[in-house]
Amino acid sequence: VGHIHQVSSKVAGTVGEVLVNDNQQVKEGDLLVKLDPKDYQNKVQQAVAALQSAQQQANAAQANIGLASQTTTGKTTQAQGDVSTAQASVSTARAAVTEAEVGIPAAEAAVQEAEAGIPAAQSQVAQADATLTRTQADYKRYENLFRQGAIARQQLDTARAAYDVALAQRNGAIQGVQQAQARLASAKVGVARAQSLLAQAQEGVTTAQAKLAAARGGLQQATASGQQTSVNRSQYAAAQGAIAQSQAALKDAQLQLSYTSIFAPAAGRVGRKTVEVGNRIQSAAPLMAIVNNDYWVVANFKETQLEKMHPGQVVDVKLDAFPSHTFIGRVDSVSPASGAQFALLPPDNATGNFTKVVQRIPVKIVIDPKSMQGYDSRITPGMSAEVTVEVK
């Protein structure tokens, strides 16, 4: 008996080269068969390309994380500054509105005061007109009397002086009306100016509020950019997963490619070779067998012969193929069960019809390599042998 190693392929493919023949001696690790590697080389190249693509995606995602983080920080800082500036502008504009609102009542009061001064000035004009008319009539009358010699020159001069005073007073009253009207016009201009300032201040509030809303929108947008950073981090994590998956796929493809070279699992001789160049083989299909050079004998002794038998005892072995040569061996071990127990249908003696049958127990006998010199390449598993155990 010897170890027989069945050689098969782990992958399917077309046989490109067979490097051994039947009965050829091989060493462990020798190349036996080569399959066409093109399909598996293509798979390796595809796996390499997929890995490179995944690495590029990961690098891009990582770069996007840094860029988005820096951009978000800058935009957020700027947006917060814009919001603060806009809030200050709104406060300033509202203060201007308040100030403008306070100025309108004062301007309106000045208009009312100016309007009230006009009737008084006009009344003074009327009084001055009446005085002027009277003094003018007196002056004309005194002038006629003076021509007639009825009055002295002094009386005429007095009447003239009174007329001049009345004329001056009338002119002064007219100027008073004009001044009152000018004050009214100026007061109305002040009201218009105050109203204009109020309108400008209110418009400033509206503009400042619009800028504040825009600044808050920019802040929200900057905050949303932070969510993009989270998205980029998720994409980077996914890319890392894709890299791991691609690396595993590449290792698997490289492993499959390595399986296109089939090596000897042990030293021995080639037997039952069925593979030829050009064959299309499937995985696990038997291609050949390797029978190694470790031989032993399995002797089936009766159970009644085992009383004095134990491992280490010397054994004489005669092979039917070489009857003139005696091989020396030793008992290696005794089977843990009888041969019948390992049968496909082991006997069942529980039926009640029991017939005692002497059982055969397999005993493993190892042959000394020195006694096999010159025969080791000629001995094959399956040969018949007679063994004699020295049980002394």
Protein backbone atom coordinates (compact mmCIF):
# COMPACT_ATOMS: atom_id res chain seq x y z
CA VAL A 1 0.00 0.00 0.00
CA GLY A 2 1.18 3.59 -0.67
CA HIS A 3 -0.06 7.14 -0.74
CA ILE A 4 -1.81 7.95 -4.02
CA HIS A 5 -2.31 11.65 -4.61
CA GLN A 6 -4.99 12.56 -7.12
CA VAL A 7 -3.97 15.56 -9.20
CA SER A 8 -6.76 17.85 -10.42
CA SER A 9 -7.17 21.46 -11.49
CA LYS A 10 -8.69 24.06 -9.20
CA VAL A 11 -9.93 26.05 -12.22
CA ALA A 12 -11.46 25.25 -15.57
CA GLY A 13 -9.48 25.90 -18.72
CA THR A 14 -7.75 24.60 -21.81
CA VAL A 15 -4.60 22.51 -21.38
CA GLY A 16 -1.69 24.33 -22.96
CA GLU A 17 1.18 22.06 -21.95
CA VAL A 18 1.69 18.66 -20.26
CA LEU A 19 5.20 18.29 -18.88
CA VAL A 20 5.16 14.67 -17.57
CA ASN A 21 4.41 11.18 -18.85
CA ASP A 22 3.06 8.02 -17.26
CA ASN A 23 5.40 6.31 -14.78
CA GLN A 24 7.72 9.34 -14.71
CA GLN A 25 9.41 10.11 -11.41
CA VAL A 26 8.66 13.64 -10.13
CA LYS A 27 9.61 15.69 -7.10
CA GLU A 28 7.23 17.63 -4.89
CA GLY A 29 6.57 21.02 -6.48
CA ASP A 30 7.47 20.00 -10.04
CA LEU A 31 5.32 21.62 -12.72
CA LEU A 32 3.01 19.00 -14.22
CA VAL A 33 0.44 20.82 -16.37
CA LYS A 34 -0.01 24.37 -17.64
CA LEU A 35 -3.39 25.75 -18.63
CA ASP A 36 -3.89 28.60 -21.10
CA PRO A 37 -3.62 31.66 -18.78
CA LYS A 38 -5.02 34.34 -21.13
CA ASP A 39 -8.55 34.42 -19.66
CA TYR A 40 -7.20 34.63 -16.12
CA GLN A 41 -4.59 37.23 -17.10
CA ASN A 42 -7.41 39.37 -18.49
CA LYS A 43 -9.27 39.00 -15.20
CA VAL A 44 -6.15 40.12 -13.33
CA GLN A 45 -5.84 43.17 -15.59
CA GLN A 46 -9.51 43.98 -15.07
CA ALA A 47 -9.08 43.66 -11.31
CA VAL A 48 -6.00 45.94 -11.43
CA ALA A 49 -7.96 48.52 -13.44
CA ALA A 50 -10.88 48.32 -11.00
CA LEU A 51 -8.50 48.79 -8.06
CA GLN A 52 -6.85 51.81 -9.70
CA SER A 53 -10.27 53.32 -10.42
CA ALA A 54 -11.36 52.79 -6.81
CA GLN A 55 -8.10 54.36 -5.55
CA GLN A 56 -8.60 57.38 -7.83
CA GLN A 57 -12.16 57.78 -6.56
CA ALA A 58 -10.91 57.57 -2.98
CA ASN A 59 -8.19 60.17 -3.67
CA ALA A 60 -10.73 62.48 -5.31
CA ALA A 61 -13.17 62.05 -2.41
CA GLN A 62 -10.39 62.73 0.10
CA ALA A 63 -9.34 65.86 -1.81
CA ASN A 64 -12.97 66.99 -1.92
CA ILE A 65 -13.20 66.58 1.85
CA GLY A 66 -10.28 68.97 2.42
CA LEU A 67 -11.45 71.42 -0.23
CA ALA A 68 -15.05 71.40 0.99
CA SER A 69 -13.91 71.81 4.60
CA GLN A 70 -11.70 74.81 3.78
CA THR A 71 -14.34 76.34 1.53
CA THR A 72 -17.05 75.81 4.13
CA THR A 73 -14.93 77.39 6.88
CA GLY A 74 -14.13 80.41 4.71
CA LYS A 75 -17.69 80.85 3.51
CA THR A 76 -19.10 80.43 7.02
CA THR A 77 -16.70 83.02 8.47
CA GLN A 78 -17.47 85.47 5.67
CA ALA A 79 -21.21 84.84 5.92
CA GLN A 80 -21.18 85.37 9.69
CA GLY A 81 -19.30 88.64 9.15
CA ASP A 82 -21.81 89.69 6.49
CA VAL A 83 -24.69 88.92 8.85
CA SER A 84 -23.11 90.99 11.64
CA THR A 85 -22.47 93.89 9.25
CA ALA A 86 -26.01 93.72 7.89
CA GLN A 87 -27.49 93.65 11.40
CA ALA A 88 -25.45 96.75 12.30
CA SER A 89 -26.66 98.44 9.10
CA VAL A 90 -30.27 97.65 9.99
CA SER A 91 -29.79 99.13 13.46
CA THR A 92 -28.18 102.26 11.99
CA ALA A 93 -30.96 102.63 9.42
CA ARG A 94 -33.65 102.25 12.08
CA ALA A 95 -31.94 104.89 14.23
CA ALA A 96 -31.94 107.20 11.20
CA VAL A 97 -35.68 106.56 10.75
CA THR A 98 -36.29 107.40 14.39
CA GLU A 99 -34.27 110.60 14.06
CA ALA A 100 -36.09 111.54 10.84
CA GLU A 101 -39.46 110.86 12.42
CA VAL A 102 -38.56 113.19 15.29
CA GLY A 103 -37.61 115.97 12.83
CA ILE A 104 -40.97 115.95 11.01
CA PRO A 105 -43.13 117.21 13.95
CA ALA A 106 -40.61 120.00 14.61
CA ALA A 107 -40.72 121.02 10.94
CA GLU A 108 -44.51 120.86 10.91
CA ALA A 109 -44.63 123.00 14.09
CA ALA A 110 -42.40 125.55 12.35
CA VAL A 111 -44.86 125.60 9.42
CA GLN A 112 -47.77 126.14 11.76
CA GLU A 113 -45.89 128.91 13.54
CA ALA A 114 -45.02 130.55 10.20
CA GLU A 115 -48.59 130.24 8.99
CA ALA A 116 -49.82 131.83 12.22
CA GLY A 117 -47.40 134.77 11.75
CA ILE A 118 -48.74 135.69 8.30
CA PRO A 119 -52.22 136.95 9.42
CA ALA A 120 -50.57 139.06 12.14
CA ALA A 121 -48.20 140.55 9.61
CA GLN A 122 -51.06 141.13 7.18
CA SER A 123 -53.05 142.83 10.00
CA GLN A 124 -50.11 145.12 10.63
CA VAL A 125 -50.07 145.95 6.89
CA ALA A 126 -53.77 146.83 7.04
CA GLN A 127 -53.21 149.05 10.07
CA ALA A 128 -50.21 150.65 8.37
CA ASP A 129 -52.31 151.23 5.20
CA ALA A 130 -55.02 152.92 7.25
CA THR A 131 -52.48 155.09 9.06
CA LEU A 132 -50.76 155.91 5.78
CA THR A 133 -54.07 156.85 4.14
CA ARG A 134 -54.98 159.13 7.07
CA THR A 135 -51.57 160.78 7.32
CA GLN A 136 -51.45 161.21 3.55
CA ALA A 137 -54.85 162.95 3.60
CA ASP A 138 -53.72 165.13 6.53
CA TYR A 139 -50.53 166.02 4.70
CA LYS A 140 -52.43 167.03 1.55
CA ARG A 141 -54.90 169.04 3.57
CA TYR A 142 -52.12 170.82 5.50
CA GLU A 143 -50.30 171.40 2.25
CA ASN A 144 -53.35 173.20 0.81
CA LEU A 145 -53.76 175.20 4.00
CA PHE A 146 -50.12 176.14 3.95
CA ARG A 147 -50.45 177.44 0.40
CA GLN A 148 -53.41 179.48 1.54
CA GLY A 149 -51.32 180.82 4.43
CA ALA A 150 -53.73 179.37 6.92
CA ILE A 151 -51.12 177.36 8.86
CA ALA A 152 -47.53 177.72 9.76
CA ARG A 153 -44.69 175.88 8.10
CA GLN A 154 -44.10 173.87 11.23
CA GLN A 155 -47.53 172.32 11.09
CA LEU A 156 -46.94 171.30 7.46
CA ASP A 157 -43.61 169.75 8.41
CA THR A 158 -45.25 167.87 11.27
CA ALA A 159 -47.88 166.47 8.89
CA ARG A 160 -45.13 165.56 6.44
CA ALA A 161 -43.19 163.77 9.15
CA ALA A 162 -46.29 161.86 10.24
CA TYR A 163 -46.86 160.82 6.60
CA ASP A 164 -43.26 159.65 6.21
CA VAL A 165 -43.50 157.64 9.42
CA ALA A 166 -46.75 156.00 8.28
CA LEU A 167 -45.20 155.24 4.87
CA ALA A 168 -42.18 153.67 6.55
CA GLN A 169 -44.41 151.66 8.88
CA ARG A 170 -46.45 150.43 5.90
CA ASN A 171 -43.29 149.37 4.07
CA GLY A 172 -42.09 147.65 7.25
CA ALA A 173 -45.42 145.85 7.61
CA ILE A 174 -45.20 144.66 3.99
CA GLN A 175 -41.68 143.39 4.64
CA GLY A 176 -43.02 141.64 7.75
CA VAL A 177 -45.60 139.85 5.59
CA GLN A 178 -42.90 138.90 3.11
CA GLN A 179 -40.66 137.64 5.90
CA ALA A 180 -43.54 135.63 7.37
CA GLN A 181 -44.22 134.12 3.95
CA ALA A 182 -40.52 133.38 3.55
CA ARG A 183 -40.50 131.69 6.96
CA LEU A 184 -43.54 129.65 5.91
CA ALA A 185 -41.87 128.60 2.67
CA SER A 186 -38.70 127.75 4.56
CA ALA A 187 -40.69 125.76 7.12
CA LYS A 188 -42.44 123.87 4.33
CA VAL A 189 -39.06 123.14 2.77
CA GLY A 190 -37.97 121.85 6.19
CA VAL A 191 -41.02 119.57 6.31
CA ALA A 192 -40.26 118.30 2.81
CA ARG A 193 -36.64 117.79 3.77
CA ALA A 194 -37.63 115.93 6.93
CA GLN A 195 -40.06 113.78 4.98
CA SER A 196 -37.36 113.10 2.38
CA LEU A 197 -34.92 112.14 5.12
CA LEU A 198 -37.57 109.84 6.60
CA ALA A 199 -38.18 108.23 3.22
CA GLN A 200 -34.44 107.80 2.69
CA ALA A 201 -34.07 106.35 6.17
CA GLN A 202 -36.97 103.95 5.57
CA GLU A 203 -35.44 102.96 2.24
CA GLY A 204 -32.16 102.42 4.05
CA VAL A 205 -33.94 100.10 6.49
CA THR A 206 -35.44 98.15 3.58
CA THR A 207 -32.05 97.90 1.87
CA ALA A 208 -30.32 96.89 5.10
CA GLN A 209 -32.98 94.25 5.78
CA ALA A 210 -32.55 92.90 2.25
CA LYS A 211 -28.79 92.69 2.79
CA LEU A 212 -29.40 90.99 6.13
CA ALA A 213 -31.68 88.43 4.48
CA ALA A 214 -29.07 87.85 1.77
CA ALA A 215 -26.35 87.46 4.40
CA ARG A 216 -28.46 84.96 6.33
CA GLY A 217 -29.07 83.09 3.09
CA GLY A 218 -25.32 83.01 2.50
CA LEU A 219 -24.83 81.68 6.02
CA GLN A 220 -27.39 78.95 5.41
CA GLN A 221 -25.68 78.10 2.14
CA ALA A 222 -22.32 77.95 3.91
CA THR A 223 -23.86 75.68 6.54
CA ALA A 224 -25.23 73.51 3.75
CA SER A 225 -21.69 73.27 2.39
CA GLY A 226 -20.83 71.54 5.65
CA GLN A 227 -23.35 68.86 4.73
CA GLN A 228 -21.46 68.45 1.45
CA THR A 229 -18.38 67.68 3.53
CA SER A 230 -20.34 64.89 5.23
CA VAL A 231 -21.40 63.63 1.81
CA ASN A 232 -17.77 63.67 0.69
CA ARG A 233 -16.77 61.73 3.80
CA SER A 234 -19.43 59.13 3.01
CA GLN A 235 -18.15 58.94 -0.55
CA TYR A 236 -14.61 58.49 0.75
CA ALA A 237 -15.73 55.68 3.07
CA ALA A 238 -17.56 54.04 0.17
CA ALA A 239 -14.44 54.41 -1.99
CA GLN A 240 -12.36 52.79 0.76
CA GLY A 241 -14.82 49.90 0.78
CA ALA A 242 -14.54 49.68 -3.00
CA ILE A 243 -10.74 49.59 -2.68
CA ALA A 244 -10.93 46.72 -0.19
CA GLN A 245 -13.35 44.90 -2.48
CA SER A 246 -11.13 45.53 -5.53
CA GLN A 247 -8.06 44.35 -3.62
CA ALA A 248 -9.87 41.16 -2.67
CA ALA A 249 -10.98 40.71 -6.28
CA LEU A 250 -7.39 41.25 -7.48
CA LYS A 251 -6.03 38.70 -5.01
CA ASP A 252 -8.69 36.23 -6.12
CA ALA A 253 -7.87 36.87 -9.80
CA GLN A 254 -4.15 36.43 -9.12
CA LEU A 255 -4.88 33.25 -7.19
CA GLN A 256 -7.02 31.94 -10.06
CA LEU A 257 -4.19 32.77 -12.46
CA SER A 258 -1.71 30.87 -10.28
CA TYR A 259 -3.99 27.83 -10.46
CA THR A 260 -3.31 27.60 -14.22
CA SER A 261 0.03 26.04 -13.26
CA ILE A 262 -0.52 22.62 -11.66
CA PHE A 263 2.32 21.29 -9.50
CA ALA A 264 3.09 17.91 -7.99
CA PRO A 265 1.64 17.69 -4.45
CA ALA A 266 4.24 15.09 -3.43
CA ALA A 267 7.25 13.19 -4.73
CA GLY A 268 6.54 9.96 -6.55
CA ARG A 269 5.69 8.46 -9.89
CA VAL A 270 3.01 9.56 -12.32
CA GLY A 271 0.20 7.15 -12.96
CA ARG A 272 -3.19 7.03 -14.66
CA LYS A 273 -2.51 10.21 -16.66
CA THR A 274 -5.59 11.18 -18.66
CA VAL A 275 -4.80 14.77 -19.57
CA GLU A 276 -3.55 15.82 -23.00
CA VAL A 277 -2.71 19.13 -24.64
CA GLY A 278 -5.83 20.87 -25.94
CA ASN A 279 -8.20 19.17 -23.49
CA ARG A 280 -10.90 21.40 -22.02
CA ILE A 281 -10.97 20.48 -18.35
CA GLN A 282 -13.24 21.41 -15.49
CA SER A 283 -12.20 22.18 -11.95
CA ALA A 284 -11.72 19.14 -9.70
CA ALA A 285 -11.57 16.79 -12.73
CA PRO A 286 -8.83 14.13 -12.19
CA LEU A 287 -5.84 14.58 -14.48
CA MET A 288 -3.34 12.05 -13.13
CA ALA A 289 -2.19 10.42 -9.91
CA ILE A 290 1.11 10.67 -8.04
CA VAL A 291 2.13 7.49 -6.21
CA ASN A 292 4.80 8.33 -3.67
CA ASN A 293 7.63 6.07 -2.57
CA ASP A 294 6.41 5.49 0.99
CA TYR A 295 5.15 1.92 1.01
CA TRP A 296 3.70 -0.24 3.76
CA VAL A 297 1.84 -3.50 4.05
CA VAL A 298 -1.62 -3.98 5.48
CA ALA A 299 -1.89 -7.54 6.79
CA ASN A 300 -5.29 -8.81 7.87
CA PHE A 301 -4.59 -11.08 10.85
CA LYS A 302 -7.15 -13.14 12.67
CA GLU A 303 -8.13 -11.66 15.97
CA THR A 304 -6.85 -14.81 17.64
CA GLN A 305 -3.34 -14.02 16.35
CA LEU A 306 -3.06 -10.62 18.03
CA GLU A 307 -2.52 -11.70 21.63
CA LYS A 308 1.27 -11.37 21.51
CA MET A 309 1.51 -8.91 18.64
CA HIS A 310 2.52 -5.30 19.34
CA PRO A 311 4.17 -2.37 17.50
CA GLY A 312 7.91 -2.63 16.89
CA GLN A 313 8.08 -6.38 16.29
CA VAL A 314 10.16 -7.52 13.30
CA VAL A 315 8.27 -8.74 10.26
CA ASP A 316 9.42 -10.77 7.23
CA VAL A 317 7.61 -9.71 4.09
CA LYS A 318 7.53 -11.67 0.85
CA LEU A 319 5.98 -10.12 -2.25
CA ASP A 320 4.56 -12.41 -4.91
CA ALA A 321 6.30 -10.27 -7.51
CA PHE A 322 9.71 -10.94 -5.95
CA PRO A 323 9.50 -14.41 -4.34
CA SER A 324 13.27 -14.75 -4.03
CA HIS A 325 13.69 -11.65 -1.89
CA THR A 326 12.62 -11.18 1.71
CA PHE A 327 11.84 -7.64 2.83
CA ILE A 328 12.36 -6.69 6.46
CA GLY A 329 9.77 -4.58 8.21
CA ARG A 330 8.23 -3.89 11.61
CA VAL A 331 4.76 -3.68 13.08
CA ASP A 332 3.72 -0.04 13.04
CA SER A 333 0.18 -0.11 14.42
CA VAL A 334 -3.02 -2.11 14.76
CA SER A 335 -6.31 -0.90 13.31
CA PRO A 336 -8.83 0.52 15.79
CA ALA A 337 -11.59 -1.71 14.33
CA SER A 338 -11.98 -4.89 12.34
CA GLY A 339 -12.16 -4.78 8.60
CA ALA A 340 -15.83 -5.74 8.71
CA GLN A 341 -16.66 -2.60 10.66
CA PHE A 342 -15.40 -0.49 7.77
CA ALA A 343 -17.45 -2.40 5.21
CA LEU A 344 -20.22 -0.66 3.30
CA LEU A 345 -22.77 -2.81 5.15
CA PRO A 346 -21.22 -3.84 8.47
CA PRO A 347 -22.65 -7.08 9.95
CA ASP A 348 -25.42 -6.76 12.54
CA ASN A 349 -25.46 -9.61 15.05
CA ALA A 350 -28.39 -8.25 17.06
CA THR A 351 -30.97 -10.50 15.31
CA GLY A 352 -30.59 -13.40 17.71
CA ASN A 353 -29.26 -15.80 15.06
CA PHE A 354 -25.62 -15.35 16.06
CA THR A 355 -22.89 -17.36 14.41
CA LYS A 356 -19.42 -16.71 15.71
CA VAL A 357 -17.02 -15.70 12.94
CA VAL A 358 -13.36 -14.99 13.55
CA GLN A 359 -12.74 -11.37 12.59
CA ARG A 360 -9.79 -10.03 10.61
CA ILE A 361 -7.92 -7.08 12.08
CA PRO A 362 -5.78 -4.90 9.75
CA VAL A 363 -2.19 -4.46 10.95
CA LYS A 364 0.09 -1.85 9.38
CA ILE A 365 3.63 -3.04 8.66
CA VAL A 366 6.33 -0.58 7.64
CA ILE A 367 9.14 -1.90 5.40
CA ASP A 368 12.74 -0.96 6.14
CA PRO A 369 14.01 1.27 3.27
CA LYS A 370 17.37 -0.56 3.27
CA SER A 371 15.70 -3.85 2.39
CA MET A 372 13.90 -2.10 -0.49
CA GLN A 373 17.08 -0.93 -2.21
CA GLY A 374 16.95 -1.94 -5.84
CA TYR A 375 13.24 -2.62 -5.61
CA ASP A 376 11.79 0.75 -4.61
CA SER A 377 11.05 1.76 -8.20
CA ARG A 378 9.53 -1.65 -8.97
CA ILE A 379 7.21 -1.95 -6.00
CA THR A 380 3.70 -0.64 -6.56
CA PRO A 381 0.66 -0.39 -4.31
CA GLY A 382 -1.74 -3.31 -4.67
CA MET A 383 0.85 -6.11 -4.79
CA SER A 384 0.13 -9.28 -2.82
CA ALA A 385 2.35 -10.14 0.12
CA GLU A 386 2.89 -12.79 2.78
CA VAL A 387 4.04 -11.60 6.18
CA THR A 388 5.50 -13.37 9.15
CA VAL A 389 5.63 -11.58 12.51
CA GLU A 390 8.18 -12.62 15.08
CA VAL A 391 6.08 -12.54 18.27
CA LYS A 392 8.72 -13.83 20.69
